[in-house]
Amino acid sequence: MRKSPLVELAAVRRSGLIESRHFGSLIALNPDGQVVLALGDPDAEILPRSTVKPLQALACLTAGAPLVGAEIAIASGSHTGEDEHVRVVRGILQKAGLDESALGCPADRPENEATFEQMIRSGEPRSAIRMNCSGKHAAMLLTCAVNDWSTDDYLDPAHPLQQHIAKTMASLTGVALTHTAVDGCGAPLFATSVHGIATAFQRLVLADAVEPAGHVAAAMREFPFYVGGSGQANTELMRALPGVLAKGGAEGVIGVAAADGSAVSMKIIDGSPRATTLIALRILDFVGVSVTAAQALAEVPVLGGGQRVGEIVPGADLQAAIFAAEAAA
């Protein structure tokens, strides 16, 4: 695929003036896997962050972890640390015969503000189980337990678990793994590409229901609350558009696939995720997926004094590319 400079994917308009612009790379695939839109350099190596948690969860399943339903969803998600999330994570750890002291992720506050305020009132300290990656870590520990793999070093890239995750990622994305980093939660993070993420999400939504990949997709769509939480964008997108699979990650990465296999992925180069959902919705609409029910997520207001004074909108380069593609169709 021909490489090109990063393009403007979104713009921030305040009181009639463009205040900021978000540049990046993007790709859209039709249900047959063909590229229908490619902007920037979607084959460039990137760090996918939490966007690939569904692939890590899939690796846990194929390695024998007895995860079901909401457990799969929370292993695939970045939960907001609410009490119900903690309950499910503790249940996974109990299956492994472990408690939360085994979690290798750092102690953190919940992202859900109401839960955090309640913690402050009750004197509950920050903890690893409230951290948004604890579901993934619990699933990794359970996988180790059922395979008699060591758990004290489960985050070592050379550990059998992490090697299996790396192979699973390469297989599903179609991208060879050439760089290993450390994610914010401490887990190994394998580089891939925007194109690879879109390919993987498409394969997840099109997987047979009896396959492990189909179990991951079904769990995320049936239990979206555990993928994110109250008011979280991925959760609300999957609730608004049944059949859609969505998972964003830190630093402006997201993968979204519709039930028919249409898929979009992007990387915002400045690391901001604030426009990723509205861009994804614009692309889904472009490829023919009805997004009317998620219109509220396509509107990101810019506030001034608590009042709406502007909005974030699809960028000029993105709009021009869509217009050109539609004109050529």
C-alpha atoms as a PDB file:
ATOM      1  CA  MET A   1       0.000   0.000   0.000  1.00  0.00           C
ATOM      2  CA  ARG A   2       1.370   3.440  -0.919  1.00  0.00           C
ATOM      3  CA  LYS A   3       2.485   5.456   2.060  1.00  0.00           C
ATOM      4  CA  SER A   4       1.397   9.070   2.434  1.00  0.00           C
ATOM      5  CA  PRO A   5       1.698  11.772   5.097  1.00  0.00           C
ATOM      6  CA  LEU A   6      -0.608  11.788   8.070  1.00  0.00           C
ATOM      7  CA  VAL A   7      -3.949  13.384   7.299  1.00  0.00           C
ATOM      8  CA  GLU A   8      -6.412  15.548   9.191  1.00  0.00           C
ATOM      9  CA  LEU A   9      -9.055  13.226  10.607  1.00  0.00           C
ATOM     10  CA  ALA A  10     -10.849  15.655  12.935  1.00  0.00           C
ATOM     11  CA  ALA A  11     -10.970  19.336  13.818  1.00  0.00           C
ATOM     12  CA  VAL A  12     -12.037  21.166  16.963  1.00  0.00           C
ATOM     13  CA  ARG A  13     -14.200  24.226  16.292  1.00  0.00           C
ATOM     14  CA  ARG A  14     -14.650  26.771  19.099  1.00  0.00           C
ATOM     15  CA  SER A  15     -16.843  29.842  18.609  1.00  0.00           C
ATOM     16  CA  GLY A  16     -16.505  29.534  14.841  1.00  0.00           C
ATOM     17  CA  LEU A  17     -12.713  29.162  14.804  1.00  0.00           C
ATOM     18  CA  ILE A  18     -10.710  25.974  14.290  1.00  0.00           C
ATOM     19  CA  GLU A  19      -8.827  25.621  17.561  1.00  0.00           C
ATOM     20  CA  SER A  20      -7.134  22.235  17.137  1.00  0.00           C
ATOM     21  CA  ARG A  21      -6.679  19.542  14.515  1.00  0.00           C
ATOM     22  CA  HIS A  22      -6.176  15.788  14.963  1.00  0.00           C
ATOM     23  CA  PHE A  23      -4.007  14.024  12.388  1.00  0.00           C
ATOM     24  CA  GLY A  24      -3.464  10.326  11.937  1.00  0.00           C
ATOM     25  CA  SER A  25      -3.889   7.203   9.842  1.00  0.00           C
ATOM     26  CA  LEU A  26      -7.099   5.312   9.103  1.00  0.00           C
ATOM     27  CA  ILE A  27      -8.333   2.321   7.166  1.00  0.00           C
ATOM     28  CA  ALA A  28     -11.775   0.983   6.284  1.00  0.00           C
ATOM     29  CA  LEU A  29     -12.487  -2.538   5.030  1.00  0.00           C
ATOM     30  CA  ASN A  30     -15.588  -3.842   3.314  1.00  0.00           C
ATOM     31  CA  PRO A  31     -17.089  -7.184   4.417  1.00  0.00           C
ATOM     32  CA  ASP A  32     -14.852  -8.994   1.932  1.00  0.00           C
ATOM     33  CA  GLY A  33     -11.730  -7.552   3.522  1.00  0.00           C
ATOM     34  CA  GLN A  34     -11.011  -5.179   0.662  1.00  0.00           C
ATOM     35  CA  VAL A  35      -9.672  -1.718   1.469  1.00  0.00           C
ATOM     36  CA  VAL A  36     -12.288   0.901   0.640  1.00  0.00           C
ATOM     37  CA  LEU A  37     -10.522   3.841   2.266  1.00  0.00           C
ATOM     38  CA  ALA A  38      -6.913   4.260   3.399  1.00  0.00           C
ATOM     39  CA  LEU A  39      -5.577   7.523   4.760  1.00  0.00           C
ATOM     40  CA  GLY A  40      -2.149   8.329   6.115  1.00  0.00           C
ATOM     41  CA  ASP A  41      -0.035   5.216   6.570  1.00  0.00           C
ATOM     42  CA  PRO A  42      -2.252   2.420   7.942  1.00  0.00           C
ATOM     43  CA  ASP A  43       0.535  -0.136   7.490  1.00  0.00           C
ATOM     44  CA  ALA A  44       2.971   1.743   9.724  1.00  0.00           C
ATOM     45  CA  GLU A  45       4.006   0.030  12.953  1.00  0.00           C
ATOM     46  CA  ILE A  46       2.059   1.325  15.965  1.00  0.00           C
ATOM     47  CA  LEU A  47       1.494   0.381  19.583  1.00  0.00           C
ATOM     48  CA  PRO A  48      -2.180  -0.657  19.751  1.00  0.00           C
ATOM     49  CA  ARG A  49      -2.552  -0.330  23.524  1.00  0.00           C
ATOM     50  CA  SER A  50      -5.839  -1.648  24.961  1.00  0.00           C
ATOM     51  CA  THR A  51      -7.460  -1.906  21.540  1.00  0.00           C
ATOM     52  CA  VAL A  52      -6.043  -5.428  21.283  1.00  0.00           C
ATOM     53  CA  LYS A  53      -7.429  -6.675  24.606  1.00  0.00           C
ATOM     54  CA  PRO A  54      -9.993  -8.779  22.696  1.00  0.00           C
ATOM     55  CA  LEU A  55      -7.077 -10.565  21.028  1.00  0.00           C
ATOM     56  CA  GLN A  56      -5.385 -11.130  24.380  1.00  0.00           C
ATOM     57  CA  ALA A  57      -8.658 -12.520  25.732  1.00  0.00           C
ATOM     58  CA  LEU A  58      -8.921 -14.799  22.710  1.00  0.00           C
ATOM     59  CA  ALA A  59      -5.433 -16.122  23.428  1.00  0.00           C
ATOM     60  CA  CYS A  60      -6.476 -16.900  26.993  1.00  0.00           C
ATOM     61  CA  LEU A  61      -9.477 -18.862  25.696  1.00  0.00           C
ATOM     62  CA  THR A  62      -7.480 -20.841  23.151  1.00  0.00           C
ATOM     63  CA  ALA A  63      -4.959 -21.663  25.877  1.00  0.00           C
ATOM     64  CA  GLY A  64      -7.753 -23.227  27.923  1.00  0.00           C
ATOM     65  CA  ALA A  65      -8.965 -20.515  30.298  1.00  0.00           C
ATOM     66  CA  PRO A  66     -12.541 -21.399  31.392  1.00  0.00           C
ATOM     67  CA  LEU A  67     -13.910 -17.915  30.854  1.00  0.00           C
ATOM     68  CA  VAL A  68     -17.580 -17.370  30.028  1.00  0.00           C
ATOM     69  CA  GLY A  69     -19.946 -14.489  29.303  1.00  0.00           C
ATOM     70  CA  ALA A  70     -19.173 -11.356  31.297  1.00  0.00           C
ATOM     71  CA  GLU A  71     -15.771 -12.798  32.229  1.00  0.00           C
ATOM     72  CA  ILE A  72     -14.744 -12.823  28.572  1.00  0.00           C
ATOM     73  CA  ALA A  73     -16.113  -9.302  28.119  1.00  0.00           C
ATOM     74  CA  ILE A  74     -14.182  -7.873  31.068  1.00  0.00           C
ATOM     75  CA  ALA A  75     -11.011  -9.659  29.936  1.00  0.00           C
ATOM     76  CA  SER A  76     -11.505  -7.966  26.558  1.00  0.00           C
ATOM     77  CA  GLY A  77     -12.273  -4.563  28.015  1.00  0.00           C
ATOM     78  CA  SER A  78     -10.990  -1.554  29.903  1.00  0.00           C
ATOM     79  CA  HIS A  79     -13.503  -1.391  32.713  1.00  0.00           C
ATOM     80  CA  THR A  80     -14.273   1.734  34.714  1.00  0.00           C
ATOM     81  CA  GLY A  81     -13.672   0.151  38.111  1.00  0.00           C
ATOM     82  CA  GLU A  82     -17.268  -0.037  39.305  1.00  0.00           C
ATOM     83  CA  ASP A  83     -18.249  -2.489  42.033  1.00  0.00           C
ATOM     84  CA  GLU A  84     -19.808  -4.923  39.565  1.00  0.00           C
ATOM     85  CA  HIS A  85     -16.571  -4.968  37.578  1.00  0.00           C
ATOM     86  CA  VAL A  86     -14.628  -5.776  40.740  1.00  0.00           C
ATOM     87  CA  ARG A  87     -17.042  -8.607  41.539  1.00  0.00           C
ATOM     88  CA  VAL A  88     -16.473 -10.271  38.166  1.00  0.00           C
ATOM     89  CA  VAL A  89     -12.692  -9.854  38.312  1.00  0.00           C
ATOM     90  CA  ARG A  90     -12.633 -11.415  41.788  1.00  0.00           C
ATOM     91  CA  GLY A  91     -14.648 -14.320  40.412  1.00  0.00           C
ATOM     92  CA  ILE A  92     -12.028 -14.958  37.729  1.00  0.00           C
ATOM     93  CA  LEU A  93      -9.265 -14.876  40.319  1.00  0.00           C
ATOM     94  CA  GLN A  94     -11.188 -17.324  42.503  1.00  0.00           C
ATOM     95  CA  LYS A  95     -11.354 -19.755  39.587  1.00  0.00           C
ATOM     96  CA  ALA A  96      -7.564 -19.520  39.482  1.00  0.00           C
ATOM     97  CA  GLY A  97      -7.279 -20.111  43.213  1.00  0.00           C
ATOM     98  CA  LEU A  98      -5.751 -16.650  43.644  1.00  0.00           C
ATOM     99  CA  ASP A  99      -6.642 -13.335  45.202  1.00  0.00           C
ATOM    100  CA  GLU A 100      -6.046  -9.783  44.006  1.00  0.00           C
ATOM    101  CA  SER A 101      -2.530  -9.727  45.437  1.00  0.00           C
ATOM    102  CA  ALA A 102      -1.536 -11.816  42.397  1.00  0.00           C
ATOM    103  CA  LEU A 103      -2.489  -9.044  39.966  1.00  0.00           C
ATOM    104  CA  GLY A 104       0.527  -7.539  38.251  1.00  0.00           C
ATOM    105  CA  CYS A 105      -1.178  -4.316  37.216  1.00  0.00           C
ATOM    106  CA  PRO A 106      -0.536  -1.187  39.341  1.00  0.00           C
ATOM    107  CA  ALA A 107      -2.907   0.146  41.972  1.00  0.00           C
ATOM    108  CA  ASP A 108      -5.174   2.824  40.518  1.00  0.00           C
ATOM    109  CA  ARG A 109      -8.398   4.737  41.060  1.00  0.00           C
ATOM    110  CA  PRO A 110     -11.548   3.709  39.173  1.00  0.00           C
ATOM    111  CA  GLU A 111     -12.317   5.766  36.079  1.00  0.00           C
ATOM    112  CA  ASN A 112     -15.968   5.966  37.129  1.00  0.00           C
ATOM    113  CA  GLU A 113     -16.251   9.224  39.076  1.00  0.00           C
ATOM    114  CA  ALA A 114     -19.167   8.166  41.274  1.00  0.00           C
ATOM    115  CA  THR A 115     -17.285   5.052  42.352  1.00  0.00           C
ATOM    116  CA  PHE A 116     -14.145   7.055  43.054  1.00  0.00           C
ATOM    117  CA  GLU A 117     -16.066   9.569  45.163  1.00  0.00           C
ATOM    118  CA  GLN A 118     -17.610   6.729  47.155  1.00  0.00           C
ATOM    119  CA  MET A 119     -14.148   5.269  47.719  1.00  0.00           C
ATOM    120  CA  ILE A 120     -12.940   8.606  49.065  1.00  0.00           C
ATOM    121  CA  ARG A 121     -15.904   8.850  51.424  1.00  0.00           C
ATOM    122  CA  SER A 122     -15.382   5.312  52.717  1.00  0.00           C
ATOM    123  CA  GLY A 123     -11.612   5.549  52.931  1.00  0.00           C
ATOM    124  CA  GLU A 124     -11.005   2.769  50.401  1.00  0.00           C
ATOM    125  CA  PRO A 125      -7.492   3.100  48.926  1.00  0.00           C
ATOM    126  CA  ARG A 126      -6.585   2.764  45.275  1.00  0.00           C
ATOM    127  CA  SER A 127      -6.040  -0.845  44.300  1.00  0.00           C
ATOM    128  CA  ALA A 128      -4.961  -3.053  41.435  1.00  0.00           C
ATOM    129  CA  ILE A 129      -8.409  -4.593  41.092  1.00  0.00           C
ATOM    130  CA  ARG A 130      -9.938  -1.153  40.425  1.00  0.00           C
ATOM    131  CA  MET A 131      -7.406  -0.550  37.640  1.00  0.00           C
ATOM    132  CA  ASN A 132      -9.036  -0.708  34.204  1.00  0.00           C
ATOM    133  CA  CYS A 133      -6.856  -3.609  33.061  1.00  0.00           C
ATOM    134  CA  SER A 134      -7.505  -5.913  36.011  1.00  0.00           C
ATOM    135  CA  GLY A 135      -9.925  -8.054  34.001  1.00  0.00           C
ATOM    136  CA  LYS A 136      -7.244  -8.808  31.443  1.00  0.00           C
ATOM    137  CA  HIS A 137      -4.704  -9.574  34.152  1.00  0.00           C
ATOM    138  CA  ALA A 138      -7.105 -11.867  35.995  1.00  0.00           C
ATOM    139  CA  ALA A 139      -7.773 -13.768  32.765  1.00  0.00           C
ATOM    140  CA  MET A 140      -4.026 -14.117  32.184  1.00  0.00           C
ATOM    141  CA  LEU A 141      -3.553 -15.493  35.705  1.00  0.00           C
ATOM    142  CA  LEU A 142      -6.393 -17.984  35.218  1.00  0.00           C
ATOM    143  CA  THR A 143      -4.800 -19.134  31.968  1.00  0.00           C
ATOM    144  CA  CYS A 144      -1.532 -19.713  33.786  1.00  0.00           C
ATOM    145  CA  ALA A 145      -3.279 -21.620  36.571  1.00  0.00           C
ATOM    146  CA  VAL A 146      -5.051 -24.083  34.263  1.00  0.00           C
ATOM    147  CA  ASN A 147      -1.822 -24.735  32.355  1.00  0.00           C
ATOM    148  CA  ASP A 148       0.394 -25.077  35.458  1.00  0.00           C
ATOM    149  CA  TRP A 149       2.416 -22.105  34.261  1.00  0.00           C
ATOM    150  CA  SER A 150       4.109 -19.878  36.813  1.00  0.00           C
ATOM    151  CA  THR A 151       2.108 -16.816  37.876  1.00  0.00           C
ATOM    152  CA  ASP A 152       4.770 -14.674  39.515  1.00  0.00           C
ATOM    153  CA  ASP A 153       6.382 -13.884  36.154  1.00  0.00           C
ATOM    154  CA  TYR A 154       3.300 -13.987  33.901  1.00  0.00           C
ATOM    155  CA  LEU A 155       4.125 -10.526  32.505  1.00  0.00           C
ATOM    156  CA  ASP A 156       7.539 -11.573  31.212  1.00  0.00           C
ATOM    157  CA  PRO A 157       7.472 -11.445  27.366  1.00  0.00           C
ATOM    158  CA  ALA A 158       9.255 -14.824  27.348  1.00  0.00           C
ATOM    159  CA  HIS A 159       6.554 -16.473  29.493  1.00  0.00           C
ATOM    160  CA  PRO A 160       4.570 -19.210  27.664  1.00  0.00           C
ATOM    161  CA  LEU A 161       1.379 -17.170  28.085  1.00  0.00           C
ATOM    162  CA  GLN A 162       2.828 -14.065  26.468  1.00  0.00           C
ATOM    163  CA  GLN A 163       4.375 -16.099  23.679  1.00  0.00           C
ATOM    164  CA  HIS A 164       0.952 -17.607  22.966  1.00  0.00           C
ATOM    165  CA  ILE A 165      -0.618 -14.126  22.980  1.00  0.00           C
ATOM    166  CA  ALA A 166       2.030 -12.911  20.525  1.00  0.00           C
ATOM    167  CA  LYS A 167       1.309 -15.791  18.134  1.00  0.00           C
ATOM    168  CA  THR A 168      -2.440 -15.213  18.418  1.00  0.00           C
ATOM    169  CA  MET A 169      -2.039 -11.527  17.618  1.00  0.00           C
ATOM    170  CA  ALA A 170       0.163 -12.182  14.608  1.00  0.00           C
ATOM    171  CA  SER A 171      -2.274 -14.760  13.286  1.00  0.00           C
ATOM    172  CA  LEU A 172      -5.376 -12.601  13.637  1.00  0.00           C
ATOM    173  CA  THR A 173      -3.875  -9.319  12.433  1.00  0.00           C
ATOM    174  CA  GLY A 174      -1.753 -10.802   9.673  1.00  0.00           C
ATOM    175  CA  VAL A 175       1.105  -8.602  10.849  1.00  0.00           C
ATOM    176  CA  ALA A 176       4.478 -10.027  11.876  1.00  0.00           C
ATOM    177  CA  LEU A 177       5.513  -8.956  15.372  1.00  0.00           C
ATOM    178  CA  THR A 178       8.791  -7.065  15.318  1.00  0.00           C
ATOM    179  CA  HIS A 179       8.632  -4.865  18.418  1.00  0.00           C
ATOM    180  CA  THR A 180       7.654  -5.518  22.029  1.00  0.00           C
ATOM    181  CA  ALA A 181       6.936  -2.694  24.463  1.00  0.00           C
ATOM    182  CA  VAL A 182       5.490  -2.443  27.972  1.00  0.00           C
ATOM    183  CA  ASP A 183       1.866  -1.318  28.243  1.00  0.00           C
ATOM    184  CA  GLY A 184       0.648   1.088  30.907  1.00  0.00           C
ATOM    185  CA  CYS A 185      -0.616  -1.836  33.004  1.00  0.00           C
ATOM    186  CA  GLY A 186       2.768  -3.571  32.859  1.00  0.00           C
ATOM    187  CA  ALA A 187       1.803  -6.285  30.372  1.00  0.00           C
ATOM    188  CA  PRO A 188       3.832  -6.909  27.217  1.00  0.00           C
ATOM    189  CA  LEU A 189       2.536  -4.865  24.290  1.00  0.00           C
ATOM    190  CA  PHE A 190       3.166  -6.173  20.797  1.00  0.00           C
ATOM    191  CA  ALA A 191       3.311  -3.655  17.965  1.00  0.00           C
ATOM    192  CA  THR A 192       1.007  -4.042  14.975  1.00  0.00           C
ATOM    193  CA  SER A 193      -0.621  -1.690  12.439  1.00  0.00           C
ATOM    194  CA  VAL A 194      -3.900   0.128  11.905  1.00  0.00           C
ATOM    195  CA  HIS A 195      -4.556  -2.242   9.001  1.00  0.00           C
ATOM    196  CA  GLY A 196      -3.837  -5.227  11.233  1.00  0.00           C
ATOM    197  CA  ILE A 197      -6.306  -4.035  13.880  1.00  0.00           C
ATOM    198  CA  ALA A 198      -9.091  -3.632  11.318  1.00  0.00           C
ATOM    199  CA  THR A 199      -8.352  -7.104   9.941  1.00  0.00           C
ATOM    200  CA  ALA A 200      -8.452  -8.640  13.419  1.00  0.00           C
ATOM    201  CA  PHE A 201     -11.746  -6.982  14.365  1.00  0.00           C
ATOM    202  CA  GLN A 202     -13.281  -8.100  11.097  1.00  0.00           C
ATOM    203  CA  ARG A 203     -12.191 -11.674  11.764  1.00  0.00           C
ATOM    204  CA  LEU A 204     -13.665 -11.528  15.273  1.00  0.00           C
ATOM    205  CA  VAL A 205     -17.135 -10.392  14.164  1.00  0.00           C
ATOM    206  CA  LEU A 206     -17.239 -12.869  11.285  1.00  0.00           C
ATOM    207  CA  ALA A 207     -16.000 -15.833  13.330  1.00  0.00           C
ATOM    208  CA  ASP A 208     -18.267 -18.839  13.733  1.00  0.00           C
ATOM    209  CA  ALA A 209     -20.216 -18.690  16.978  1.00  0.00           C
ATOM    210  CA  VAL A 210     -18.744 -21.998  18.181  1.00  0.00           C
ATOM    211  CA  GLU A 211     -15.144 -20.824  17.755  1.00  0.00           C
ATOM    212  CA  PRO A 212     -13.224 -19.056  20.533  1.00  0.00           C
ATOM    213  CA  ALA A 213     -13.061 -15.896  18.406  1.00  0.00           C
ATOM    214  CA  GLY A 214     -16.825 -16.021  18.071  1.00  0.00           C
ATOM    215  CA  HIS A 215     -17.128 -16.367  21.842  1.00  0.00           C
ATOM    216  CA  VAL A 216     -15.101 -13.182  22.331  1.00  0.00           C
ATOM    217  CA  ALA A 217     -17.212 -11.192  19.881  1.00  0.00           C
ATOM    218  CA  ALA A 218     -20.474 -12.525  21.322  1.00  0.00           C
ATOM    219  CA  ALA A 219     -19.477 -11.779  24.918  1.00  0.00           C
ATOM    220  CA  MET A 220     -18.410  -8.221  24.154  1.00  0.00           C
ATOM    221  CA  ARG A 221     -21.647  -7.487  22.324  1.00  0.00           C
ATOM    222  CA  GLU A 222     -23.877  -9.218  24.887  1.00  0.00           C
ATOM    223  CA  PHE A 223     -22.164  -7.676  27.907  1.00  0.00           C
ATOM    224  CA  PRO A 224     -20.898  -4.241  26.771  1.00  0.00           C
ATOM    225  CA  PHE A 225     -20.987  -2.879  30.333  1.00  0.00           C
ATOM    226  CA  TYR A 226     -17.987  -5.050  31.183  1.00  0.00           C
ATOM    227  CA  VAL A 227     -16.026  -3.854  28.144  1.00  0.00           C
ATOM    228  CA  GLY A 228     -16.183  -0.308  29.503  1.00  0.00           C
ATOM    229  CA  GLY A 229     -18.734   0.860  32.013  1.00  0.00           C
ATOM    230  CA  SER A 230     -21.374   3.462  32.785  1.00  0.00           C
ATOM    231  CA  GLY A 231     -21.287   6.145  30.078  1.00  0.00           C
ATOM    232  CA  GLN A 232     -18.092   4.804  28.493  1.00  0.00           C
ATOM    233  CA  ALA A 233     -17.919   5.293  24.709  1.00  0.00           C
ATOM    234  CA  ASN A 234     -17.248   1.676  23.679  1.00  0.00           C
ATOM    235  CA  THR A 235     -20.071   0.469  25.897  1.00  0.00           C
ATOM    236  CA  GLU A 236     -22.530   3.047  24.616  1.00  0.00           C
ATOM    237  CA  LEU A 237     -21.588   2.433  20.978  1.00  0.00           C
ATOM    238  CA  MET A 238     -22.225  -1.306  21.243  1.00  0.00           C
ATOM    239  CA  ARG A 239     -25.490  -0.689  23.085  1.00  0.00           C
ATOM    240  CA  ALA A 240     -26.665   1.779  20.435  1.00  0.00           C
ATOM    241  CA  LEU A 241     -25.672  -0.405  17.484  1.00  0.00           C
ATOM    242  CA  PRO A 242     -26.313  -4.079  18.326  1.00  0.00           C
ATOM    243  CA  GLY A 243     -23.892  -6.336  16.484  1.00  0.00           C
ATOM    244  CA  VAL A 244     -21.082  -3.793  16.436  1.00  0.00           C
ATOM    245  CA  LEU A 245     -17.782  -4.630  18.118  1.00  0.00           C
ATOM    246  CA  ALA A 246     -15.790  -1.671  19.480  1.00  0.00           C
ATOM    247  CA  LYS A 247     -12.650  -1.323  21.545  1.00  0.00           C
ATOM    248  CA  GLY A 248     -10.536   1.771  21.944  1.00  0.00           C
ATOM    249  CA  GLY A 249      -7.153   2.100  23.569  1.00  0.00           C
ATOM    250  CA  ALA A 250      -4.899   4.779  24.949  1.00  0.00           C
ATOM    251  CA  GLU A 251      -3.073   7.181  22.668  1.00  0.00           C
ATOM    252  CA  GLY A 252      -5.846   7.543  20.111  1.00  0.00           C
ATOM    253  CA  VAL A 253      -6.254   3.976  18.822  1.00  0.00           C
ATOM    254  CA  ILE A 254      -9.585   2.265  18.119  1.00  0.00           C
ATOM    255  CA  GLY A 255     -10.971  -0.696  16.238  1.00  0.00           C
ATOM    256  CA  VAL A 256     -14.643  -1.037  15.269  1.00  0.00           C
ATOM    257  CA  ALA A 257     -16.397  -3.680  13.201  1.00  0.00           C
ATOM    258  CA  ALA A 258     -20.042  -4.034  12.204  1.00  0.00           C
ATOM    259  CA  ALA A 259     -21.953  -7.310  12.156  1.00  0.00           C
ATOM    260  CA  ASP A 260     -21.588  -7.587   8.368  1.00  0.00           C
ATOM    261  CA  GLY A 261     -17.786  -7.439   8.643  1.00  0.00           C
ATOM    262  CA  SER A 262     -17.276  -3.801   7.680  1.00  0.00           C
ATOM    263  CA  ALA A 263     -14.367  -2.587   9.794  1.00  0.00           C
ATOM    264  CA  VAL A 264     -12.503   0.606  10.596  1.00  0.00           C
ATOM    265  CA  SER A 265      -9.411   1.317  12.629  1.00  0.00           C
ATOM    266  CA  MET A 266      -7.296   4.397  13.240  1.00  0.00           C
ATOM    267  CA  LYS A 267      -4.406   5.927  15.141  1.00  0.00           C
ATOM    268  CA  ILE A 268      -4.550   9.597  16.135  1.00  0.00           C
ATOM    269  CA  ILE A 269      -0.928  10.682  16.185  1.00  0.00           C
ATOM    270  CA  ASP A 270      -1.264  13.205  19.024  1.00  0.00           C
ATOM    271  CA  GLY A 271      -2.663  10.464  21.250  1.00  0.00           C
ATOM    272  CA  SER A 272      -6.061  12.038  21.933  1.00  0.00           C
ATOM    273  CA  PRO A 273      -9.039   9.653  21.792  1.00  0.00           C
ATOM    274  CA  ARG A 274     -11.698  12.367  21.952  1.00  0.00           C
ATOM    275  CA  ALA A 275     -12.591  12.170  18.249  1.00  0.00           C
ATOM    276  CA  THR A 276     -12.086   8.481  17.535  1.00  0.00           C
ATOM    277  CA  THR A 277     -15.684   7.352  18.064  1.00  0.00           C
ATOM    278  CA  LEU A 278     -17.212  10.100  15.927  1.00  0.00           C
ATOM    279  CA  ILE A 279     -14.695   9.386  13.151  1.00  0.00           C
ATOM    280  CA  ALA A 280     -15.472   5.668  13.310  1.00  0.00           C
ATOM    281  CA  LEU A 281     -19.182   6.408  13.036  1.00  0.00           C
ATOM    282  CA  ARG A 282     -18.581   8.648  10.012  1.00  0.00           C
ATOM    283  CA  ILE A 283     -16.675   5.816   8.322  1.00  0.00           C
ATOM    284  CA  LEU A 284     -19.301   3.189   9.152  1.00  0.00           C
ATOM    285  CA  ASP A 285     -21.909   5.465   7.623  1.00  0.00           C
ATOM    286  CA  PHE A 286     -19.700   5.848   4.536  1.00  0.00           C
ATOM    287  CA  VAL A 287     -19.456   2.076   4.054  1.00  0.00           C
ATOM    288  CA  GLY A 288     -23.222   1.659   4.376  1.00  0.00           C
ATOM    289  CA  VAL A 289     -23.748   0.729   8.026  1.00  0.00           C
ATOM    290  CA  SER A 290     -26.727   2.474   9.610  1.00  0.00           C
ATOM    291  CA  VAL A 291     -25.481   4.569  12.552  1.00  0.00           C
ATOM    292  CA  THR A 292     -28.599   6.649  13.222  1.00  0.00           C
ATOM    293  CA  ALA A 293     -29.135   5.082  16.639  1.00  0.00           C
ATOM    294  CA  ALA A 294     -25.672   6.239  17.723  1.00  0.00           C
ATOM    295  CA  GLN A 295     -26.040   9.827  16.568  1.00  0.00           C
ATOM    296  CA  ALA A 296     -25.492  11.158  20.086  1.00  0.00           C
ATOM    297  CA  LEU A 297     -21.987   9.652  20.057  1.00  0.00           C
ATOM    298  CA  ALA A 298     -21.212  11.407  16.768  1.00  0.00           C
ATOM    299  CA  GLU A 299     -21.707  14.781  18.421  1.00  0.00           C
ATOM    300  CA  VAL A 300     -18.844  15.908  20.646  1.00  0.00           C
ATOM    301  CA  PRO A 301     -19.558  19.403  21.965  1.00  0.00           C
ATOM    302  CA  VAL A 302     -16.919  21.981  22.833  1.00  0.00           C
ATOM    303  CA  LEU A 303     -17.868  23.868  25.982  1.00  0.00           C
ATOM    304  CA  GLY A 304     -17.288  27.407  27.131  1.00  0.00           C
ATOM    305  CA  GLY A 305     -18.555  28.480  30.540  1.00  0.00           C
ATOM    306  CA  GLY A 306     -20.513  25.246  30.728  1.00  0.00           C
ATOM    307  CA  GLN A 307     -22.345  26.000  27.486  1.00  0.00           C
ATOM    308  CA  ARG A 308     -21.861  24.537  24.018  1.00  0.00           C
ATOM    309  CA  VAL A 309     -19.806  26.956  21.915  1.00  0.00           C
ATOM    310  CA  GLY A 310     -18.532  24.555  19.263  1.00  0.00           C
ATOM    311  CA  GLU A 311     -17.997  20.941  18.317  1.00  0.00           C
ATOM    312  CA  ILE A 312     -15.480  18.389  17.111  1.00  0.00           C
ATOM    313  CA  VAL A 313     -16.071  17.556  13.460  1.00  0.00           C
ATOM    314  CA  PRO A 314     -14.583  15.164  10.868  1.00  0.00           C
ATOM    315  CA  GLY A 315     -11.420  16.698   9.415  1.00  0.00           C
ATOM    316  CA  ALA A 316     -11.096  18.293   6.003  1.00  0.00           C
ATOM    317  CA  ASP A 317      -8.858  15.525   4.622  1.00  0.00           C
ATOM    318  CA  LEU A 318     -11.227  12.828   5.816  1.00  0.00           C
ATOM    319  CA  GLN A 319     -14.269  14.565   4.345  1.00  0.00           C
ATOM    320  CA  ALA A 320     -12.483  15.155   1.037  1.00  0.00           C
ATOM    321  CA  ALA A 321     -11.457  11.505   0.800  1.00  0.00           C
ATOM    322  CA  ILE A 322     -14.997  10.316   1.486  1.00  0.00           C
ATOM    323  CA  PHE A 323     -16.413  12.759  -1.076  1.00  0.00           C
ATOM    324  CA  ALA A 324     -13.904  11.572  -3.695  1.00  0.00           C
ATOM    325  CA  ALA A 325     -14.659   7.918  -3.002  1.00  0.00           C
ATOM    326  CA  GLU A 326     -18.407   8.479  -3.210  1.00  0.00           C
ATOM    327  CA  ALA A 327     -18.030  10.441  -6.432  1.00  0.00           C
ATOM    328  CA  ALA A 328     -15.958   7.676  -8.001  1.00  0.00           C
ATOM    329  CA  ALA A 329     -18.401   4.929  -6.966  1.00  0.00           C
END
